[in-house]
């Protein structure tokens, strides 16, 4: 499902216009991005948690040359689904 399909589904399910559904989805995405930029997390009970985690620096290997390289530490966004999401 892409963003347009999501907007259409939300509009239909909530009984709202597509314009209002787009505004709501854009607002949710903006709030989520802002929270993740502050290293926070967004926990939606019954759905899951979106959070920033830190991946430590590590050694890797260039597959073309076989040479050992250093992979820098970085922050990544992870989603952990709720236990009952698929039930």
PDB file of N, CA and C in Angstrom:
ATOM      1  N   UNK A   1       0.854  -1.177   0.000  1.00  0.00           N
ATOM      2  CA  UNK A   1       0.000   0.000   0.000  1.00  0.00           C
ATOM      3  C   UNK A   1       0.894   1.231   0.000  1.00  0.00           C
ATOM      4  N   UNK A   2       0.640   2.126  -0.921  1.00  0.00           N
ATOM      5  CA  UNK A   2       1.400   3.371  -0.946  1.00  0.00           C
ATOM      6  C   UNK A   2       0.602   4.465  -0.243  1.00  0.00           C
ATOM      7  N   UNK A   3       1.150   5.681  -0.230  1.00  0.00           N
ATOM      8  CA  UNK A   3       0.532   6.773   0.523  1.00  0.00           C
ATOM      9  C   UNK A   3      -0.858   7.134  -0.011  1.00  0.00           C
ATOM     10  N   UNK A   4      -1.021   7.156  -1.315  1.00  0.00           N
ATOM     11  CA  UNK A   4      -2.320   7.501  -1.899  1.00  0.00           C
ATOM     12  C   UNK A   4      -3.364   6.452  -1.507  1.00  0.00           C
ATOM     13  N   UNK A   5      -2.991   5.184  -1.581  1.00  0.00           N
ATOM     14  CA  UNK A   5      -3.911   4.117  -1.189  1.00  0.00           C
ATOM     15  C   UNK A   5      -4.253   4.214   0.293  1.00  0.00           C
ATOM     16  N   UNK A   6      -3.272   4.572   1.120  1.00  0.00           N
ATOM     17  CA  UNK A   6      -3.510   4.746   2.549  1.00  0.00           C
ATOM     18  C   UNK A   6      -4.482   5.897   2.793  1.00  0.00           C
ATOM     19  N   UNK A   7      -4.290   6.992   2.107  1.00  0.00           N
ATOM     20  CA  UNK A   7      -5.190   8.143   2.251  1.00  0.00           C
ATOM     21  C   UNK A   7      -6.620   7.753   1.865  1.00  0.00           C
ATOM     22  N   UNK A   8      -6.769   7.048   0.759  1.00  0.00           N
ATOM     23  CA  UNK A   8      -8.092   6.621   0.325  1.00  0.00           C
ATOM     24  C   UNK A   8      -8.739   5.686   1.344  1.00  0.00           C
ATOM     25  N   UNK A   9      -7.972   4.740   1.880  1.00  0.00           N
ATOM     26  CA  UNK A   9      -8.501   3.792   2.853  1.00  0.00           C
ATOM     27  C   UNK A   9      -8.901   4.485   4.155  1.00  0.00           C
ATOM     28  N   UNK A  10      -8.068   5.417   4.625  1.00  0.00           N
ATOM     29  CA  UNK A  10      -8.377   6.145   5.858  1.00  0.00           C
ATOM     30  C   UNK A  10      -9.621   7.013   5.655  1.00  0.00           C
ATOM     31  N   UNK A  11      -9.707   7.678   4.528  1.00  0.00           N
ATOM     32  CA  UNK A  11     -10.867   8.523   4.242  1.00  0.00           C
ATOM     33  C   UNK A  11     -12.152   7.704   4.244  1.00  0.00           C
ATOM     34  N   UNK A  12     -12.100   6.542   3.617  1.00  0.00           N
ATOM     35  CA  UNK A  12     -13.283   5.681   3.554  1.00  0.00           C
ATOM     36  C   UNK A  12     -13.641   5.114   4.926  1.00  0.00           C
ATOM     37  N   UNK A  13     -12.637   4.615   5.646  1.00  0.00           N
ATOM     38  CA  UNK A  13     -12.863   3.984   6.953  1.00  0.00           C
ATOM     39  C   UNK A  13     -13.361   4.998   7.993  1.00  0.00           C
ATOM     40  N   UNK A  14     -12.820   6.221   7.963  1.00  0.00           N
ATOM     41  CA  UNK A  14     -13.176   7.235   8.957  1.00  0.00           C
ATOM     42  C   UNK A  14     -14.352   8.106   8.521  1.00  0.00           C
ATOM     43  N   UNK A  15     -14.797   7.954   7.281  1.00  0.00           N
ATOM     44  CA  UNK A  15     -15.899   8.764   6.797  1.00  0.00           C
ATOM     45  C   UNK A  15     -15.526  10.228   6.663  1.00  0.00           C
ATOM     46  N   UNK A  16     -14.323  10.483   6.189  1.00  0.00           N
ATOM     47  CA  UNK A  16     -13.854  11.862   6.024  1.00  0.00           C
ATOM     48  C   UNK A  16     -13.435  12.073   4.578  1.00  0.00           C
ATOM     49  N   UNK A  17     -13.187  13.311   4.227  1.00  0.00           N
ATOM     50  CA  UNK A  17     -12.743  13.599   2.863  1.00  0.00           C
ATOM     51  C   UNK A  17     -11.293  13.169   2.690  1.00  0.00           C
ATOM     52  N   UNK A  18     -10.898  12.993   1.444  1.00  0.00           N
ATOM     53  CA  UNK A  18      -9.509  12.617   1.159  1.00  0.00           C
ATOM     54  C   UNK A  18      -8.555  13.741   1.559  1.00  0.00           C
ATOM     55  N   UNK A  19      -8.991  14.978   1.431  1.00  0.00           N
ATOM     56  CA  UNK A  19      -8.161  16.128   1.817  1.00  0.00           C
ATOM     57  C   UNK A  19      -7.887  16.081   3.316  1.00  0.00           C
ATOM     58  N   UNK A  20      -8.939  15.838   4.112  1.00  0.00           N
ATOM     59  CA  UNK A  20      -8.764  15.753   5.565  1.00  0.00           C
ATOM     60  C   UNK A  20      -7.909  14.551   5.952  1.00  0.00           C
ATOM     61  N   UNK A  21      -8.105  13.433   5.264  1.00  0.00           N
ATOM     62  CA  UNK A  21      -7.305  12.236   5.541  1.00  0.00           C
ATOM     63  C   UNK A  21      -5.833  12.501   5.238  1.00  0.00           C
ATOM     64  N   UNK A  22      -5.556  13.196   4.128  1.00  0.00           N
ATOM     65  CA  UNK A  22      -4.167  13.531   3.774  1.00  0.00           C
ATOM     66  C   UNK A  22      -3.547  14.420   4.845  1.00  0.00           C
ATOM     67  N   UNK A  23      -4.300  15.419   5.318  1.00  0.00           N
ATOM     68  CA  UNK A  23      -3.795  16.306   6.368  1.00  0.00           C
ATOM     69  C   UNK A  23      -3.487  15.524   7.637  1.00  0.00           C
ATOM     70  N   UNK A  24      -4.358  14.604   8.001  1.00  0.00           N
ATOM     71  CA  UNK A  24      -4.160  13.809   9.214  1.00  0.00           C
ATOM     72  C   UNK A  24      -2.924  12.919   9.085  1.00  0.00           C
ATOM     73  N   UNK A  25      -2.790  12.246   7.968  1.00  0.00           N
ATOM     74  CA  UNK A  25      -1.636  11.357   7.760  1.00  0.00           C
ATOM     75  C   UNK A  25      -0.343  12.161   7.706  1.00  0.00           C
ATOM     76  N   UNK A  26      -0.342  13.292   7.020  1.00  0.00           N
ATOM     77  CA  UNK A  26       0.848  14.148   6.971  1.00  0.00           C
ATOM     78  C   UNK A  26       1.227  14.640   8.369  1.00  0.00           C
ATOM     79  N   UNK A  27       0.216  14.988   9.177  1.00  0.00           N
ATOM     80  CA  UNK A  27       0.486  15.445  10.549  1.00  0.00           C
ATOM     81  C   UNK A  27       1.090  14.328  11.379  1.00  0.00           C
ATOM     82  N   UNK A  28       0.564  13.121  11.253  1.00  0.00           N
ATOM     83  CA  UNK A  28       1.112  11.976  11.999  1.00  0.00           C
ATOM     84  C   UNK A  28       2.557  11.722  11.590  1.00  0.00           C
ATOM     85  N   UNK A  29       2.830  11.784  10.299  1.00  0.00           N
ATOM     86  CA  UNK A  29       4.199  11.552   9.826  1.00  0.00           C
ATOM     87  C   UNK A  29       5.141  12.641  10.314  1.00  0.00           C
ATOM     88  N   UNK A  30       4.705  13.901  10.302  1.00  0.00           N
ATOM     89  CA  UNK A  30       5.544  15.009  10.766  1.00  0.00           C
ATOM     90  C   UNK A  30       5.847  14.886  12.258  1.00  0.00           C
ATOM     91  N   UNK A  31       4.835  14.573  13.052  1.00  0.00           N
ATOM     92  CA  UNK A  31       5.026  14.422  14.499  1.00  0.00           C
ATOM     93  C   UNK A  31       5.974  13.257  14.775  1.00  0.00           C
ATOM     94  N   UNK A  32       5.813  12.153  14.055  1.00  0.00           N
ATOM     95  CA  UNK A  32       6.692  10.991  14.234  1.00  0.00           C
ATOM     96  C   UNK A  32       8.131  11.340  13.872  1.00  0.00           C
ATOM     97  N   UNK A  33       8.337  12.017  12.748  1.00  0.00           N
ATOM     98  CA  UNK A  33       9.690  12.425  12.341  1.00  0.00           C
ATOM     99  C   UNK A  33      10.326  13.337  13.382  1.00  0.00           C
ATOM    100  N   UNK A  34       9.561  14.300  13.879  1.00  0.00           N
ATOM    101  CA  UNK A  34      10.089  15.233  14.880  1.00  0.00           C
ATOM    102  C   UNK A  34      10.510  14.491  16.146  1.00  0.00           C
ATOM    103  N   UNK A  35       9.710  13.537  16.575  1.00  0.00           N
ATOM    104  CA  UNK A  35      10.026  12.771  17.788  1.00  0.00           C
ATOM    105  C   UNK A  35      11.265  11.905  17.579  1.00  0.00           C
ATOM    106  N   UNK A  36      11.387  11.292  16.419  1.00  0.00           N
ATOM    107  CA  UNK A  36      12.552  10.444  16.142  1.00  0.00           C
ATOM    108  C   UNK A  36      13.830  11.279  16.024  1.00  0.00           C
ATOM    109  N   UNK A  37      13.727  12.500  15.517  1.00  0.00           N
ATOM    110  CA  UNK A  37      14.893  13.379  15.433  1.00  0.00           C
ATOM    111  C   UNK A  37      15.416  13.739  16.816  1.00  0.00           C
ATOM    112  N   UNK A  38      14.527  13.718  17.818  1.00  0.00           N
ATOM    113  CA  UNK A  38      14.924  14.001  19.204  1.00  0.00           C
ATOM    114  C   UNK A  38      15.328  12.711  19.930  1.00  0.00           C
ATOM    115  N   UNK A  39      15.564  11.636  19.178  1.00  0.00           N
ATOM    116  CA  UNK A  39      15.905  10.319  19.726  1.00  0.00           C
ATOM    117  C   UNK A  39      14.795   9.764  20.621  1.00  0.00           C
ATOM    118  N   UNK A  40      13.583  10.184  20.377  1.00  0.00           N
ATOM    119  CA  UNK A  40      12.440   9.682  21.138  1.00  0.00           C
ATOM    120  C   UNK A  40      11.867   8.443  20.483  1.00  0.00           C
ATOM    121  N   UNK A  41      10.664   8.075  20.922  1.00  0.00           N
ATOM    122  CA  UNK A  41       9.992   6.943  20.311  1.00  0.00           C
ATOM    123  C   UNK A  41       8.500   7.217  20.277  1.00  0.00           C
ATOM    124  N   UNK A  42       7.827   6.526  19.378  1.00  0.00           N
ATOM    125  CA  UNK A  42       6.383   6.634  19.251  1.00  0.00           C
ATOM    126  C   UNK A  42       5.821   5.246  19.493  1.00  0.00           C
ATOM    127  N   UNK A  43       5.064   5.089  20.571  1.00  0.00           N
ATOM    128  CA  UNK A  43       4.482   3.797  20.936  1.00  0.00           C
ATOM    129  C   UNK A  43       2.975   3.853  20.731  1.00  0.00           C
ATOM    130  N   UNK A  44       2.488   3.006  19.854  1.00  0.00           N
ATOM    131  CA  UNK A  44       1.062   2.914  19.575  1.00  0.00           C
ATOM    132  C   UNK A  44       0.571   1.561  20.081  1.00  0.00           C
ATOM    133  N   UNK A  45      -0.155   1.578  21.191  1.00  0.00           N
ATOM    134  CA  UNK A  45      -0.615   0.343  21.823  1.00  0.00           C
ATOM    135  C   UNK A  45      -1.462  -0.450  20.828  1.00  0.00           C
ATOM    136  N   UNK A  46      -1.155  -1.720  20.704  1.00  0.00           N
ATOM    137  CA  UNK A  46      -1.874  -2.584  19.787  1.00  0.00           C
ATOM    138  C   UNK A  46      -1.333  -2.571  18.374  1.00  0.00           C
ATOM    139  N   UNK A  47      -0.390  -1.679  18.084  1.00  0.00           N
ATOM    140  CA  UNK A  47       0.204  -1.612  16.745  1.00  0.00           C
ATOM    141  C   UNK A  47       1.703  -1.863  16.794  1.00  0.00           C
ATOM    142  N   UNK A  48       2.431  -1.053  17.577  1.00  0.00           N
ATOM    143  CA  UNK A  48       3.871  -1.246  17.690  1.00  0.00           C
ATOM    144  C   UNK A  48       4.579   0.021  18.123  1.00  0.00           C
ATOM    145  N   UNK A  49       5.905  -0.066  18.159  1.00  0.00           N
ATOM    146  CA  UNK A  49       6.739   1.047  18.599  1.00  0.00           C
ATOM    147  C   UNK A  49       7.775   1.364  17.528  1.00  0.00           C
ATOM    148  N   UNK A  50       7.898   2.650  17.224  1.00  0.00           N
ATOM    149  CA  UNK A  50       8.919   3.132  16.301  1.00  0.00           C
ATOM    150  C   UNK A  50       9.928   3.896  17.149  1.00  0.00           C
ATOM    151  N   UNK A  51      11.202   3.505  17.070  1.00  0.00           N
ATOM    152  CA  UNK A  51      12.217   4.126  17.910  1.00  0.00           C
ATOM    153  C   UNK A  51      13.552   4.207  17.179  1.00  0.00           C
ATOM    154  N   UNK A  52      14.397   5.117  17.649  1.00  0.00           N
ATOM    155  CA  UNK A  52      15.756   5.255  17.121  1.00  0.00           C
ATOM    156  C   UNK A  52      16.678   4.410  17.989  1.00  0.00           C
ATOM    157  N   UNK A  53      17.502   3.598  17.345  1.00  0.00           N
ATOM    158  CA  UNK A  53      18.510   2.827  18.075  1.00  0.00           C
ATOM    159  C   UNK A  53      19.881   3.177  17.511  1.00  0.00           C
ATOM    160  N   UNK A  54      20.891   2.963  18.329  1.00  0.00           N
ATOM    161  CA  UNK A  54      22.260   3.258  17.906  1.00  0.00           C
ATOM    162  C   UNK A  54      22.949   1.965  17.516  1.00  0.00           C
ATOM    163  N   UNK A  55      23.499   1.957  16.317  1.00  0.00           N
ATOM    164  CA  UNK A  55      24.254   0.806  15.835  1.00  0.00           C
ATOM    165  C   UNK A  55      25.730   1.132  16.043  1.00  0.00           C
ATOM    166  N   UNK A  56      26.453   0.319  16.814  1.00  0.00           N
ATOM    167  CA  UNK A  56      27.859   0.632  17.099  1.00  0.00           C
ATOM    168  C   UNK A  56      28.753   0.456  15.871  1.00  0.00           C
ATOM    169  N   UNK A  57      29.924   1.067  15.925  1.00  0.00           N
ATOM    170  CA  UNK A  57      30.915   0.893  14.862  1.00  0.00           C
ATOM    171  C   UNK A  57      31.343  -0.568  14.852  1.00  0.00           C
ATOM    172  N   UNK A  58      31.687  -1.052  13.660  1.00  0.00           N
ATOM    173  CA  UNK A  58      32.091  -2.457  13.558  1.00  0.00           C
ATOM    174  C   UNK A  58      33.023  -2.659  12.375  1.00  0.00           C
ATOM    175  N   UNK A  59      33.628  -3.811  12.349  1.00  0.00           N
ATOM    176  CA  UNK A  59      34.499  -4.179  11.239  1.00  0.00           C
ATOM    177  C   UNK A  59      33.667  -4.895  10.184  1.00  0.00           C
ATOM    178  N   UNK A  60      33.941  -4.595   8.930  1.00  0.00           N
ATOM    179  CA  UNK A  60      33.272  -5.250   7.820  1.00  0.00           C
ATOM    180  C   UNK A  60      34.300  -5.693   6.796  1.00  0.00           C
ATOM    181  N   UNK A  61      33.811  -6.272   5.735  1.00  0.00           N
ATOM    182  CA  UNK A  61      34.726  -6.741   4.701  1.00  0.00           C
ATOM    183  C   UNK A  61      34.189  -6.303   3.344  1.00  0.00           C
ATOM    184  N   UNK A  62      35.055  -5.703   2.542  1.00  0.00           N
ATOM    185  CA  UNK A  62      34.701  -5.327   1.178  1.00  0.00           C
ATOM    186  C   UNK A  62      34.573  -6.621   0.375  1.00  0.00           C
ATOM    187  N   UNK A  63      33.372  -6.935  -0.135  1.00  0.00           N
ATOM    188  CA  UNK A  63      33.196  -8.201  -0.838  1.00  0.00           C
ATOM    189  C   UNK A  63      33.984  -8.298  -2.147  1.00  0.00           C
ATOM    190  N   UNK A  64      34.291  -7.170  -2.739  1.00  0.00           N
ATOM    191  CA  UNK A  64      35.033  -7.183  -4.003  1.00  0.00           C
ATOM    192  C   UNK A  64      36.511  -7.476  -3.783  1.00  0.00           C
ATOM    193  N   UNK A  65      37.112  -6.834  -2.758  1.00  0.00           N
ATOM    194  CA  UNK A  65      38.555  -6.975  -2.555  1.00  0.00           C
ATOM    195  C   UNK A  65      38.900  -7.888  -1.384  1.00  0.00           C
ATOM    196  N   UNK A  66      37.945  -8.107  -0.479  1.00  0.00           N
ATOM    197  CA  UNK A  66      38.221  -8.910   0.705  1.00  0.00           C
ATOM    198  C   UNK A  66      38.911  -8.117   1.802  1.00  0.00           C
ATOM    199  N   UNK A  67      39.181  -6.843   1.564  1.00  0.00           N
ATOM    200  CA  UNK A  67      39.877  -5.994   2.523  1.00  0.00           C
ATOM    201  C   UNK A  67      38.954  -5.640   3.690  1.00  0.00           C
ATOM    202  N   UNK A  68      39.505  -5.619   4.905  1.00  0.00           N
ATOM    203  CA  UNK A  68      38.747  -5.245   6.089  1.00  0.00           C
ATOM    204  C   UNK A  68      38.550  -3.731   6.101  1.00  0.00           C
ATOM    205  N   UNK A  69      37.319  -3.327   6.398  1.00  0.00           N
ATOM    206  CA  UNK A  69      37.001  -1.901   6.464  1.00  0.00           C
ATOM    207  C   UNK A  69      36.287  -1.619   7.780  1.00  0.00           C
ATOM    208  N   UNK A  70      36.317  -0.360   8.174  1.00  0.00           N
ATOM    209  CA  UNK A  70      35.607   0.045   9.384  1.00  0.00           C
ATOM    210  C   UNK A  70      34.274   0.655   8.969  1.00  0.00           C
ATOM    211  N   UNK A  71      33.198   0.157   9.575  1.00  0.00           N
ATOM    212  CA  UNK A  71      31.860   0.694   9.334  1.00  0.00           C
ATOM    213  C   UNK A  71      31.528   1.586  10.516  1.00  0.00           C
ATOM    214  N   UNK A  72      31.226   2.841  10.248  1.00  0.00           N
ATOM    215  CA  UNK A  72      30.996   3.836  11.296  1.00  0.00           C
ATOM    216  C   UNK A  72      29.703   3.555  12.070  1.00  0.00           C
ATOM    217  N   UNK A  73      29.677   4.036  13.299  1.00  0.00           N
ATOM    218  CA  UNK A  73      28.470   3.947  14.117  1.00  0.00           C
ATOM    219  C   UNK A  73      27.414   4.866  13.509  1.00  0.00           C
ATOM    220  N   UNK A  74      26.154   4.492  13.671  1.00  0.00           N
ATOM    221  CA  UNK A  74      25.085   5.347  13.165  1.00  0.00           C
ATOM    222  C   UNK A  74      23.781   5.052  13.886  1.00  0.00           C
ATOM    223  N   UNK A  75      22.839   5.947  13.706  1.00  0.00           N
ATOM    224  CA  UNK A  75      21.511   5.775  14.277  1.00  0.00           C
ATOM    225  C   UNK A  75      20.592   5.228  13.192  1.00  0.00           C
ATOM    226  N   UNK A  76      19.721   4.293  13.576  1.00  0.00           N
ATOM    227  CA  UNK A  76      18.765   3.726  12.645  1.00  0.00           C
ATOM    228  C   UNK A  76      17.375   3.716  13.280  1.00  0.00           C
ATOM    229  N   UNK A  77      16.359   3.771  12.453  1.00  0.00           N
ATOM    230  CA  UNK A  77      14.985   3.702  12.932  1.00  0.00           C
ATOM    231  C   UNK A  77      14.538   2.251  12.862  1.00  0.00           C
ATOM    232  N   UNK A  78      13.933   1.781  13.962  1.00  0.00           N
ATOM    233  CA  UNK A  78      13.439   0.403  14.006  1.00  0.00           C
ATOM    234  C   UNK A  78      11.974   0.394  14.408  1.00  0.00           C
ATOM    235  N   UNK A  79      11.253  -0.553  13.863  1.00  0.00           N
ATOM    236  CA  UNK A  79       9.853  -0.749  14.217  1.00  0.00           C
ATOM    237  C   UNK A  79       9.723  -2.106  14.889  1.00  0.00           C
ATOM    238  N   UNK A  80       9.110  -2.103  16.060  1.00  0.00           N
ATOM    239  CA  UNK A  80       8.858  -3.352  16.776  1.00  0.00           C
ATOM    240  C   UNK A  80       7.339  -3.525  16.850  1.00  0.00           C
ATOM    241  N   UNK A  81       6.799  -4.501  16.112  1.00  0.00           N
ATOM    242  CA  UNK A  81       5.352  -4.675  16.117  1.00  0.00           C
ATOM    243  C   UNK A  81       4.844  -5.181  17.449  1.00  0.00           C
ATOM    244  N   UNK A  82       3.591  -4.854  17.753  1.00  0.00           N
ATOM    245  CA  UNK A  82       2.961  -5.358  18.976  1.00  0.00           C
ATOM    246  C   UNK A  82       2.797  -6.868  18.836  1.00  0.00           C
ATOM    247  N   UNK A  83       2.764  -7.541  19.956  1.00  0.00           N
ATOM    248  CA  UNK A  83       2.689  -9.001  19.951  1.00  0.00           C
ATOM    249  C   UNK A  83       1.423  -9.515  19.273  1.00  0.00           C
ATOM    250  N   UNK A  84       0.338  -8.803  19.363  1.00  0.00           N
ATOM    251  CA  UNK A  84      -0.930  -9.289  18.832  1.00  0.00           C
ATOM    252  C   UNK A  84      -1.332  -8.627  17.509  1.00  0.00           C
ATOM    253  N   UNK A  85      -0.390  -8.048  16.794  1.00  0.00           N
ATOM    254  CA  UNK A  85      -0.729  -7.284  15.577  1.00  0.00           C
ATOM    255  C   UNK A  85      -1.314  -8.160  14.475  1.00  0.00           C
ATOM    256  N   UNK A  86      -0.913  -9.398  14.368  1.00  0.00           N
ATOM    257  CA  UNK A  86      -1.389 -10.250  13.284  1.00  0.00           C
ATOM    258  C   UNK A  86      -2.504 -11.211  13.717  1.00  0.00           C
ATOM    259  N   UNK A  87      -3.007 -11.052  14.917  1.00  0.00           N
ATOM    260  CA  UNK A  87      -4.060 -11.965  15.392  1.00  0.00           C
ATOM    261  C   UNK A  87      -5.419 -11.448  15.059  1.00  0.00           C
TER     262      UNK A  87
END
